[in-house]
C-alpha atoms as a PDB file:
ATOM      1  CA  MET A   1      21.357   3.944  19.429  1.00  0.00           C
ATOM      2  CA  ALA A   2      19.520   3.146  15.731  1.00  0.00           C
ATOM      3  CA  LYS A   3      15.830   2.551  15.755  1.00  0.00           C
ATOM      4  CA  THR A   4      14.292  -0.670  14.596  1.00  0.00           C
ATOM      5  CA  ILE A   5      11.685  -1.975  12.589  1.00  0.00           C
ATOM      6  CA  SER A   6      10.252  -5.081  11.227  1.00  0.00           C
ATOM      7  CA  ILE A   7       9.022  -5.136   7.634  1.00  0.00           C
ATOM      8  CA  LEU A   8       6.738  -7.700   7.098  1.00  0.00           C
ATOM      9  CA  GLY A   9       7.008  -8.597   3.589  1.00  0.00           C
ATOM     10  CA  CYS A  10       9.746  -6.647   1.492  1.00  0.00           C
ATOM     11  CA  GLY A  11       8.164  -6.840  -2.154  1.00  0.00           C
ATOM     12  CA  TRP A  12       7.383  -3.790  -4.414  1.00  0.00           C
ATOM     13  CA  LEU A  13       6.600  -1.704  -1.317  1.00  0.00           C
ATOM     14  CA  GLY A  14       8.427  -2.909   1.569  1.00  0.00           C
ATOM     15  CA  LEU A  15      11.950  -3.392   0.044  1.00  0.00           C
ATOM     16  CA  PRO A  16      12.424   0.372  -1.161  1.00  0.00           C
ATOM     17  CA  LEU A  17      11.213   1.373   2.304  1.00  0.00           C
ATOM     18  CA  ALA A  18      13.634  -0.900   3.938  1.00  0.00           C
ATOM     19  CA  SER A  19      16.229   0.321   1.766  1.00  0.00           C
ATOM     20  CA  HIS A  20      15.227   4.124   2.703  1.00  0.00           C
ATOM     21  CA  LEU A  21      15.463   3.386   6.257  1.00  0.00           C
ATOM     22  CA  VAL A  22      18.843   1.541   6.230  1.00  0.00           C
ATOM     23  CA  ASN A  23      20.420   4.387   4.854  1.00  0.00           C
ATOM     24  CA  LYS A  24      18.472   6.743   7.229  1.00  0.00           C
ATOM     25  CA  GLY A  25      20.653   4.012   9.941  1.00  0.00           C
ATOM     26  CA  TRP A  26      17.916   2.249  10.928  1.00  0.00           C
ATOM     27  CA  GLN A  27      18.328  -1.363  11.628  1.00  0.00           C
ATOM     28  CA  VAL A  28      15.741  -3.284   9.912  1.00  0.00           C
ATOM     29  CA  LYS A  29      14.384  -6.374   9.884  1.00  0.00           C
ATOM     30  CA  GLY A  30      12.626  -7.686   6.886  1.00  0.00           C
ATOM     31  CA  SER A  31      10.736 -10.844   5.657  1.00  0.00           C
ATOM     32  CA  THR A  32      10.448 -12.740   2.547  1.00  0.00           C
ATOM     33  CA  THR A  33       8.591 -15.626   1.479  1.00  0.00           C
ATOM     34  CA  SER A  34      11.195 -16.579  -0.941  1.00  0.00           C
ATOM     35  CA  ALA A  35      14.072 -18.467   0.034  1.00  0.00           C
ATOM     36  CA  ASP A  36      16.022 -17.146  -3.118  1.00  0.00           C
ATOM     37  CA  LYS A  37      15.365 -13.465  -1.673  1.00  0.00           C
ATOM     38  CA  VAL A  38      17.019 -13.676   1.664  1.00  0.00           C
ATOM     39  CA  ASP A  39      20.394 -12.738   0.141  1.00  0.00           C
ATOM     40  CA  VAL A  40      18.712  -9.851  -1.948  1.00  0.00           C
ATOM     41  CA  LEU A  41      17.799  -8.294   1.379  1.00  0.00           C
ATOM     42  CA  THR A  42      20.986  -9.310   3.496  1.00  0.00           C
ATOM     43  CA  ASN A  43      23.268  -7.781   0.775  1.00  0.00           C
ATOM     44  CA  ILE A  44      21.752  -4.425   1.506  1.00  0.00           C
ATOM     45  CA  GLY A  45      21.979  -4.404   4.883  1.00  0.00           C
ATOM     46  CA  ILE A  46      18.425  -5.916   6.171  1.00  0.00           C
ATOM     47  CA  GLU A  47      18.496  -8.728   8.786  1.00  0.00           C
ATOM     48  CA  ALA A  48      16.518 -11.164   6.668  1.00  0.00           C
ATOM     49  CA  TYR A  49      13.901 -13.685   7.589  1.00  0.00           C
ATOM     50  CA  GLN A  50      11.880 -16.129   5.956  1.00  0.00           C
ATOM     51  CA  ILE A  51       8.239 -15.780   7.145  1.00  0.00           C
ATOM     52  CA  ASP A  52       5.103 -17.172   5.880  1.00  0.00           C
ATOM     53  CA  ILE A  53       2.196 -16.254   7.752  1.00  0.00           C
ATOM     54  CA  ALA A  54       0.072 -19.094   6.899  1.00  0.00           C
ATOM     55  CA  ASP A  55       2.997 -21.198   8.620  1.00  0.00           C
ATOM     56  CA  LYS A  56       2.527 -20.002  12.274  1.00  0.00           C
ATOM     57  CA  ALA A  57       5.940 -21.707  13.080  1.00  0.00           C
ATOM     58  CA  SER A  58       7.955 -19.655  10.532  1.00  0.00           C
ATOM     59  CA  LEU A  59       6.821 -16.554  12.781  1.00  0.00           C
ATOM     60  CA  ALA A  60      10.162 -15.852  14.753  1.00  0.00           C
ATOM     61  CA  ASP A  61      10.002 -14.439  17.565  1.00  0.00           C
ATOM     62  CA  GLU A  62      13.044 -12.258  16.863  1.00  0.00           C
ATOM     63  CA  PHE A  63      11.699 -10.786  14.058  1.00  0.00           C
ATOM     64  CA  PHE A  64       8.746  -9.082  16.111  1.00  0.00           C
ATOM     65  CA  LYS A  65      11.431  -7.777  18.468  1.00  0.00           C
ATOM     66  CA  SER A  66      11.681  -4.040  16.772  1.00  0.00           C
ATOM     67  CA  GLU A  67       9.862  -0.501  17.609  1.00  0.00           C
ATOM     68  CA  TYR A  68       7.647  -0.748  15.039  1.00  0.00           C
ATOM     69  CA  LEU A  69       6.448  -3.125  12.408  1.00  0.00           C
ATOM     70  CA  LEU A  70       4.737  -2.312   8.852  1.00  0.00           C
ATOM     71  CA  VAL A  71       2.146  -5.290   8.018  1.00  0.00           C
ATOM     72  CA  ASN A  72       2.528  -5.584   4.106  1.00  0.00           C
ATOM     73  CA  ILE A  73       1.187  -8.938   2.773  1.00  0.00           C
ATOM     74  CA  PRO A  74      -1.604  -8.213   0.066  1.00  0.00           C
ATOM     75  CA  PRO A  75      -4.344 -10.395   0.971  1.00  0.00           C
ATOM     76  CA  THR A  76      -4.610 -13.307  -1.364  1.00  0.00           C
ATOM     77  CA  LYS A  77      -6.788 -16.727  -1.872  1.00  0.00           C
ATOM     78  CA  VAL A  78      -4.855 -18.705   0.722  1.00  0.00           C
ATOM     79  CA  LEU A  79      -5.190 -15.395   3.184  1.00  0.00           C
ATOM     80  CA  ARG A  80      -8.487 -13.599   2.061  1.00  0.00           C
ATOM     81  CA  ASP A  81     -10.161 -13.991   5.826  1.00  0.00           C
ATOM     82  CA  ALA A  82      -9.554 -12.398   8.956  1.00  0.00           C
ATOM     83  CA  VAL A  83      -8.864 -15.601  10.852  1.00  0.00           C
ATOM     84  CA  ASN A  84      -6.224 -16.223   8.601  1.00  0.00           C
ATOM     85  CA  TYR A  85      -4.259 -13.326  10.302  1.00  0.00           C
ATOM     86  CA  HIS A  86      -5.135 -14.478  14.118  1.00  0.00           C
ATOM     87  CA  PRO A  87      -1.969 -16.136  14.582  1.00  0.00           C
ATOM     88  CA  LEU A  88       0.363 -13.453  13.400  1.00  0.00           C
ATOM     89  CA  VAL A  89      -1.883 -10.783  15.453  1.00  0.00           C
ATOM     90  CA  GLU A  90      -1.485 -12.907  18.627  1.00  0.00           C
ATOM     91  CA  LYS A  91       2.608 -12.931  17.987  1.00  0.00           C
ATOM     92  CA  ILE A  92       2.440  -9.134  17.573  1.00  0.00           C
ATOM     93  CA  LYS A  93       0.451  -8.988  20.965  1.00  0.00           C
ATOM     94  CA  GLN A  94       3.227 -11.518  22.540  1.00  0.00           C
ATOM     95  CA  SER A  95       6.007  -9.403  21.237  1.00  0.00           C
ATOM     96  CA  GLY A  96       5.397  -6.242  23.628  1.00  0.00           C
ATOM     97  CA  PRO A  97       5.173  -2.995  23.061  1.00  0.00           C
ATOM     98  CA  ILE A  98       5.334  -2.225  19.586  1.00  0.00           C
ATOM     99  CA  LYS A  99       3.768   0.259  16.883  1.00  0.00           C
ATOM    100  CA  VAL A 100       1.991  -0.915  13.856  1.00  0.00           C
ATOM    101  CA  ILE A 101       1.240   0.253  10.462  1.00  0.00           C
ATOM    102  CA  PHE A 102      -0.965  -2.196   8.622  1.00  0.00           C
ATOM    103  CA  ILE A 103      -0.967  -1.604   4.519  1.00  0.00           C
ATOM    104  CA  SER A 104      -4.458  -2.050   3.278  1.00  0.00           C
ATOM    105  CA  SER A 105      -6.340  -0.358   0.498  1.00  0.00           C
ATOM    106  CA  THR A 106      -9.227   1.785  -1.021  1.00  0.00           C
ATOM    107  CA  SER A 107     -10.965  -1.212  -2.180  1.00  0.00           C
ATOM    108  CA  VAL A 108     -12.438  -1.133   1.285  1.00  0.00           C
ATOM    109  CA  TYR A 109     -14.776   1.734   0.069  1.00  0.00           C
ATOM    110  CA  PRO A 110     -17.796   0.755  -2.199  1.00  0.00           C
ATOM    111  CA  SER A 111     -18.137   2.490  -5.359  1.00  0.00           C
ATOM    112  CA  LEU A 112     -21.146   4.353  -4.863  1.00  0.00           C
ATOM    113  CA  ASN A 113     -20.349   7.350  -7.157  1.00  0.00           C
ATOM    114  CA  GLN A 114     -19.401   9.211  -4.375  1.00  0.00           C
ATOM    115  CA  THR A 115     -15.857  10.959  -2.205  1.00  0.00           C
ATOM    116  CA  ALA A 116     -14.801   8.757  -0.182  1.00  0.00           C
ATOM    117  CA  HIS A 117     -13.475   9.496   3.021  1.00  0.00           C
ATOM    118  CA  GLU A 118     -11.847   7.760   6.114  1.00  0.00           C
ATOM    119  CA  ALA A 119     -14.669   7.605   8.749  1.00  0.00           C
ATOM    120  CA  ASP A 120     -16.669   6.514   5.679  1.00  0.00           C
ATOM    121  CA  THR A 121     -16.288   2.762   6.456  1.00  0.00           C
ATOM    122  CA  GLU A 122     -17.421   3.173  10.205  1.00  0.00           C
ATOM    123  CA  ASN A 123     -20.758   2.402   9.063  1.00  0.00           C
ATOM    124  CA  ILE A 124     -19.998  -0.702   7.097  1.00  0.00           C
ATOM    125  CA  LYS A 125     -20.999  -3.805   9.237  1.00  0.00           C
ATOM    126  CA  ASP A 126     -18.441  -6.756   9.864  1.00  0.00           C
ATOM    127  CA  SER A 127     -18.254  -9.473   7.270  1.00  0.00           C
ATOM    128  CA  THR A 128     -19.251  -7.021   4.759  1.00  0.00           C
ATOM    129  CA  ASN A 129     -15.396  -6.744   3.021  1.00  0.00           C
ATOM    130  CA  ALA A 130     -12.846  -9.233   4.039  1.00  0.00           C
ATOM    131  CA  LEU A 131     -10.175  -6.769   3.810  1.00  0.00           C
ATOM    132  CA  LEU A 132     -11.862  -4.489   6.113  1.00  0.00           C
ATOM    133  CA  ASP A 133     -12.460  -7.011   8.628  1.00  0.00           C
ATOM    134  CA  ILE A 134      -8.595  -7.574   8.427  1.00  0.00           C
ATOM    135  CA  GLU A 135      -8.034  -4.140   9.005  1.00  0.00           C
ATOM    136  CA  ARG A 136     -10.878  -4.193  12.287  1.00  0.00           C
ATOM    137  CA  LEU A 137      -8.820  -7.197  13.376  1.00  0.00           C
ATOM    138  CA  PHE A 138      -5.202  -4.996  13.586  1.00  0.00           C
ATOM    139  CA  GLN A 139      -7.313  -2.004  14.753  1.00  0.00           C
ATOM    140  CA  ARG A 140      -8.963  -3.766  17.391  1.00  0.00           C
ATOM    141  CA  SER A 141      -6.058  -5.721  19.153  1.00  0.00           C
ATOM    142  CA  ASP A 142      -3.980  -4.497  22.067  1.00  0.00           C
ATOM    143  CA  PHE A 143      -1.378  -2.919  20.082  1.00  0.00           C
ATOM    144  CA  ASN A 144      -0.968   0.649  18.158  1.00  0.00           C
ATOM    145  CA  CYS A 145      -1.696   0.379  14.921  1.00  0.00           C
ATOM    146  CA  THR A 146      -2.481   2.898  12.296  1.00  0.00           C
ATOM    147  CA  VAL A 147      -4.138   1.538   8.891  1.00  0.00           C
ATOM    148  CA  VAL A 148      -2.992   3.269   5.554  1.00  0.00           C
ATOM    149  CA  ARG A 149      -5.410   2.490   2.929  1.00  0.00           C
ATOM    150  CA  PHE A 150      -3.205   2.798  -0.556  1.00  0.00           C
ATOM    151  CA  GLY A 151      -5.013   4.011  -4.071  1.00  0.00           C
ATOM    152  CA  GLY A 152      -3.647   1.984  -7.289  1.00  0.00           C
ATOM    153  CA  LEU A 153      -0.194   1.311  -6.853  1.00  0.00           C
ATOM    154  CA  VAL A 154       2.119   2.739  -9.580  1.00  0.00           C
ATOM    155  CA  GLY A 155       5.996   3.467 -10.333  1.00  0.00           C
ATOM    156  CA  GLY A 156       9.166   1.550 -11.765  1.00  0.00           C
ATOM    157  CA  GLU A 157       8.131  -1.702 -13.295  1.00  0.00           C
ATOM    158  CA  ARG A 158       4.078  -0.977 -12.388  1.00  0.00           C
ATOM    159  CA  TYR A 159       3.623   1.185 -15.298  1.00  0.00           C
ATOM    160  CA  PRO A 160      -0.223   2.041 -15.625  1.00  0.00           C
ATOM    161  CA  GLY A 161      -2.307   0.469 -18.375  1.00  0.00           C
ATOM    162  CA  ARG A 162       0.700  -1.345 -19.887  1.00  0.00           C
ATOM    163  CA  PHE A 163      -1.484  -4.586 -19.858  1.00  0.00           C
ATOM    164  CA  PHE A 164      -4.228  -2.816 -22.227  1.00  0.00           C
ATOM    165  CA  THR A 165      -4.411  -4.085 -25.661  1.00  0.00           C
ATOM    166  CA  PRO A 166      -6.041  -2.036 -28.372  1.00  0.00           C
ATOM    167  CA  THR A 167      -8.846  -4.106 -28.673  1.00  0.00           C
ATOM    168  CA  ARG A 168     -10.068  -4.332 -24.928  1.00  0.00           C
ATOM    169  CA  ILE A 169     -12.944  -1.895 -24.644  1.00  0.00           C
ATOM    170  CA  VAL A 170     -12.706  -0.227 -21.428  1.00  0.00           C
ATOM    171  CA  ASP A 171     -16.031   0.916 -19.452  1.00  0.00           C
ATOM    172  CA  GLY A 172     -16.319   4.233 -17.387  1.00  0.00           C
ATOM    173  CA  ALA A 173     -14.100   6.513 -19.789  1.00  0.00           C
ATOM    174  CA  GLN A 174     -15.026   9.442 -17.429  1.00  0.00           C
ATOM    175  CA  GLN A 175     -14.583   7.833 -14.246  1.00  0.00           C
ATOM    176  CA  PRO A 176     -11.823   9.354 -12.132  1.00  0.00           C
ATOM    177  CA  ILE A 177      -8.912   7.645 -11.056  1.00  0.00           C
ATOM    178  CA  ASN A 178      -6.911   6.852  -7.689  1.00  0.00           C
ATOM    179  CA  LEU A 179      -3.451   6.438  -7.884  1.00  0.00           C
ATOM    180  CA  ILE A 180      -0.032   6.812  -5.799  1.00  0.00           C
ATOM    181  CA  HIS A 181       3.311   6.708  -6.969  1.00  0.00           C
ATOM    182  CA  LEU A 182       6.182   4.367  -4.644  1.00  0.00           C
ATOM    183  CA  ASP A 183       7.677   7.518  -3.671  1.00  0.00           C
ATOM    184  CA  ASP A 184       5.084   8.797  -2.459  1.00  0.00           C
ATOM    185  CA  CYS A 185       3.767   5.589  -0.436  1.00  0.00           C
ATOM    186  CA  VAL A 186       7.479   5.280   1.155  1.00  0.00           C
ATOM    187  CA  ARG A 187       7.428   8.905   2.172  1.00  0.00           C
ATOM    188  CA  LEU A 188       3.727   8.414   3.541  1.00  0.00           C
ATOM    189  CA  ILE A 189       4.629   5.891   5.844  1.00  0.00           C
ATOM    190  CA  PHE A 190       8.265   7.446   7.053  1.00  0.00           C
ATOM    191  CA  SER A 191       6.037  10.646   7.750  1.00  0.00           C
ATOM    192  CA  ILE A 192       3.432   8.750  10.004  1.00  0.00           C
ATOM    193  CA  ILE A 193       6.589   7.375  12.186  1.00  0.00           C
ATOM    194  CA  GLN A 194       8.124  10.618  12.283  1.00  0.00           C
ATOM    195  CA  THR A 195       5.241  12.345  13.282  1.00  0.00           C
ATOM    196  CA  ASP A 196       4.133   9.241  15.896  1.00  0.00           C
ATOM    197  CA  ALA A 197       0.976   9.174  13.985  1.00  0.00           C
ATOM    198  CA  PHE A 198      -0.602   5.955  15.490  1.00  0.00           C
ATOM    199  CA  GLY A 199      -4.046   5.159  15.909  1.00  0.00           C
ATOM    200  CA  HIS A 200      -5.380   6.340  12.980  1.00  0.00           C
ATOM    201  CA  VAL A 201      -6.725   5.487   9.628  1.00  0.00           C
ATOM    202  CA  PHE A 202      -4.914   7.439   6.471  1.00  0.00           C
ATOM    203  CA  ASN A 203      -6.215   7.224   2.600  1.00  0.00           C
ATOM    204  CA  GLY A 204      -2.998   7.290   0.428  1.00  0.00           C
ATOM    205  CA  VAL A 205      -3.534   8.548  -3.194  1.00  0.00           C
ATOM    206  CA  ALA A 206      -2.266  11.452  -5.169  1.00  0.00           C
ATOM    207  CA  ASP A 207      -3.989  15.032  -5.339  1.00  0.00           C
ATOM    208  CA  THR A 208      -5.379  14.803  -9.186  1.00  0.00           C
ATOM    209  CA  HIS A 209      -8.145  12.180 -10.523  1.00  0.00           C
ATOM    210  CA  PRO A 210      -7.869  12.675 -14.301  1.00  0.00           C
ATOM    211  CA  THR A 211     -10.491  10.335 -16.042  1.00  0.00           C
ATOM    212  CA  LYS A 212      -9.616   6.865 -17.000  1.00  0.00           C
ATOM    213  CA  GLU A 213      -9.441   7.735 -20.704  1.00  0.00           C
ATOM    214  CA  ALA A 214      -7.468  10.940 -20.633  1.00  0.00           C
ATOM    215  CA  PHE A 215      -4.468   9.276 -18.036  1.00  0.00           C
ATOM    216  CA  TYR A 216      -4.734   5.878 -19.781  1.00  0.00           C
ATOM    217  CA  SER A 217      -4.772   7.396 -23.505  1.00  0.00           C
ATOM    218  CA  LEU A 218      -1.736   9.522 -22.297  1.00  0.00           C
ATOM    219  CA  ALA A 219       0.303   6.440 -20.669  1.00  0.00           C
ATOM    220  CA  ALA A 220       0.044   4.079 -23.736  1.00  0.00           C
ATOM    221  CA  LYS A 221       0.777   7.187 -25.783  1.00  0.00           C
ATOM    222  CA  LEU A 222       3.913   7.394 -23.716  1.00  0.00           C
ATOM    223  CA  ASN A 223       4.746   4.213 -24.017  1.00  0.00           C
ATOM    224  CA  GLY A 224       4.672   3.810 -27.608  1.00  0.00           C
ATOM    225  CA  GLN A 225       1.341   1.635 -27.296  1.00  0.00           C
ATOM    226  CA  LEU A 226      -1.977   2.179 -28.882  1.00  0.00           C
ATOM    227  CA  PRO A 227      -4.293   3.185 -26.404  1.00  0.00           C
ATOM    228  CA  PRO A 228      -7.640   0.720 -25.793  1.00  0.00           C
ATOM    229  CA  VAL A 229     -10.873   1.437 -26.812  1.00  0.00           C
ATOM    230  CA  PHE A 230     -12.915   3.671 -24.112  1.00  0.00           C
ATOM    231  CA  SER A 231     -16.568   3.328 -23.663  1.00  0.00           C
ATOM    232  CA  ASP A 232     -18.751   5.916 -21.871  1.00  0.00           C
ATOM    233  CA  LYS A 233     -20.717   3.152 -20.762  1.00  0.00           C
ATOM    234  CA  GLU A 234     -21.491   4.226 -16.676  1.00  0.00           C
ATOM    235  CA  GLN A 235     -20.021   2.455 -14.178  1.00  0.00           C
ATOM    236  CA  PRO A 236     -20.119   3.184 -10.272  1.00  0.00           C
ATOM    237  CA  TYR A 237     -17.056   4.853  -9.268  1.00  0.00           C
ATOM    238  CA  LYS A 238     -15.218   6.447  -5.964  1.00  0.00           C
ATOM    239  CA  LEU A 239     -13.157   9.226  -5.839  1.00  0.00           C
ATOM    240  CA  ILE A 240     -10.638   8.744  -2.703  1.00  0.00           C
ATOM    241  CA  SER A 241     -10.038  11.997  -0.664  1.00  0.00           C
ATOM    242  CA  ASN A 242      -6.365  12.503   0.925  1.00  0.00           C
ATOM    243  CA  GLN A 243      -7.005  15.633   2.785  1.00  0.00           C
ATOM    244  CA  LYS A 244      -6.788  13.633   6.263  1.00  0.00           C
ATOM    245  CA  VAL A 245      -3.175  12.843   5.990  1.00  0.00           C
ATOM    246  CA  LYS A 246      -2.632  16.270   4.393  1.00  0.00           C
ATOM    247  CA  MET A 247      -4.387  18.065   7.238  1.00  0.00           C
ATOM    248  CA  GLU A 248      -3.058  15.854  10.036  1.00  0.00           C
ATOM    249  CA  LEU A 249       0.563  15.309   9.224  1.00  0.00           C
ATOM    250  CA  GLY A 250       1.291  18.161   6.840  1.00  0.00           C
ATOM    251  CA  PHE A 251       2.188  15.611   3.921  1.00  0.00           C
ATOM    252  CA  LYS A 252       2.967  16.831   0.608  1.00  0.00           C
ATOM    253  CA  PHE A 253       2.932  14.500  -2.497  1.00  0.00           C
ATOM    254  CA  VAL A 254       6.064  14.743  -4.635  1.00  0.00           C
ATOM    255  CA  HIS A 255       4.223  13.219  -7.415  1.00  0.00           C
ATOM    256  CA  GLY A 256       0.466  14.583  -6.675  1.00  0.00           C
ATOM    257  CA  ASP A 257       0.038  15.599 -10.425  1.00  0.00           C
ATOM    258  CA  LEU A 258      -0.772  12.205 -12.110  1.00  0.00           C
ATOM    259  CA  MET A 259      -0.732  13.792 -15.490  1.00  0.00           C
ATOM    260  CA  GLU A 260       2.741  15.303 -14.921  1.00  0.00           C
ATOM    261  CA  MET A 261       3.915  11.973 -12.992  1.00  0.00           C
ATOM    262  CA  ILE A 262       3.178   9.717 -16.246  1.00  0.00           C
ATOM    263  CA  LYS A 263       5.409  12.157 -18.423  1.00  0.00           C
ATOM    264  CA  ASP A 264       8.443  11.879 -16.164  1.00  0.00           C
ATOM    265  CA  ASP A 265      10.473   8.902 -17.706  1.00  0.00           C
ATOM    266  CA  THR A 266      12.962   8.726 -14.602  1.00  0.00           C
ATOM    267  CA  LEU A 267      10.109   7.320 -12.821  1.00  0.00           C
ATOM    268  CA  TRP A 268       9.072   4.097 -14.647  1.00  0.00           C
ATOM    269  CA  ASN A 269      10.940   1.117 -16.216  1.00  0.00           C
ATOM    270  CA  ARG A 270       8.404   1.148 -19.302  1.00  0.00           C
ATOM    271  CA  LYS A 271       8.093  -1.519 -21.614  1.00  0.00           C
END
C-alpha cells in the first residue's frame, strides 16, 4: 500500500518534493492558494486542494488524512503570529495520528557572532521571535512534529545575489553565509521521513560558509553581472551548524560546498 503525505504549500520547495514522492509511488495530496495552480498539481499526479490557512473553511478534512504532513507556509504579514496558526493546529489534532514536519528558518537564531546550534533557542523566551513562537505551537501540540530550520534557500530560479546591483554597497564583506540548495532540502525532508526522525529540531544548511564577498562576487561573475561593492563595515553574524543532522541522520549534503555549487550550470536558471 502506498505511503501517504499531505504537503501544505506546493511552491518552490513543496512542489519538487511532491513530484519526488509521486515518482517514488507515494500518494501525495498537495495544497495551493491559487485556483490556477490546481491543474498544475493534478497534472503531475498530486491530489490537489485549494487551501488558505487564513480561511478556516478551506481546511478540508480529507486533505489531513495522511500518514505525514509537511507544513511549508512561510509566515507573511497576514500569518506573522502564532495565533493565526491555531485553526490549522486544531485541524491537525482532529485528523488523528499524523507525523508533522514544520518548515522553519534559521532566522530564529539571533546574530551574536556565534555558531548557532539547535538547542540554542531553548533559552529564548516566548514572544521574543514570532517564528519561534509558531514553531513552539507545533512542538507543544499533541502530535509528533519535527522542525526543520533551513538557511537561505537557493536553486533553480533562486540564483544567489541576482538582484544585487553594482552600485549597491553591501556591508559585512567577511560575514559567513548560510545557504542550502533545493536538492538538499528535498533530500533532507525525505531522510527525516525514512529514518522516522520525529520529535526533533534540525538545521538545514550546507557544509561550507564562505564569506559574503567571496561567494556573491563569484556568483555575479558567473551570471555575467558586475559585483556589488562590499564594505568591511562589521555586522553581527551567525554561523549555522549542520552537525546534528549529519550525526543523527547520517545525512550527507550533495551540494555541501557552496563555492562548487555556484559553478554548476545545471543547478540554475540564470538571468
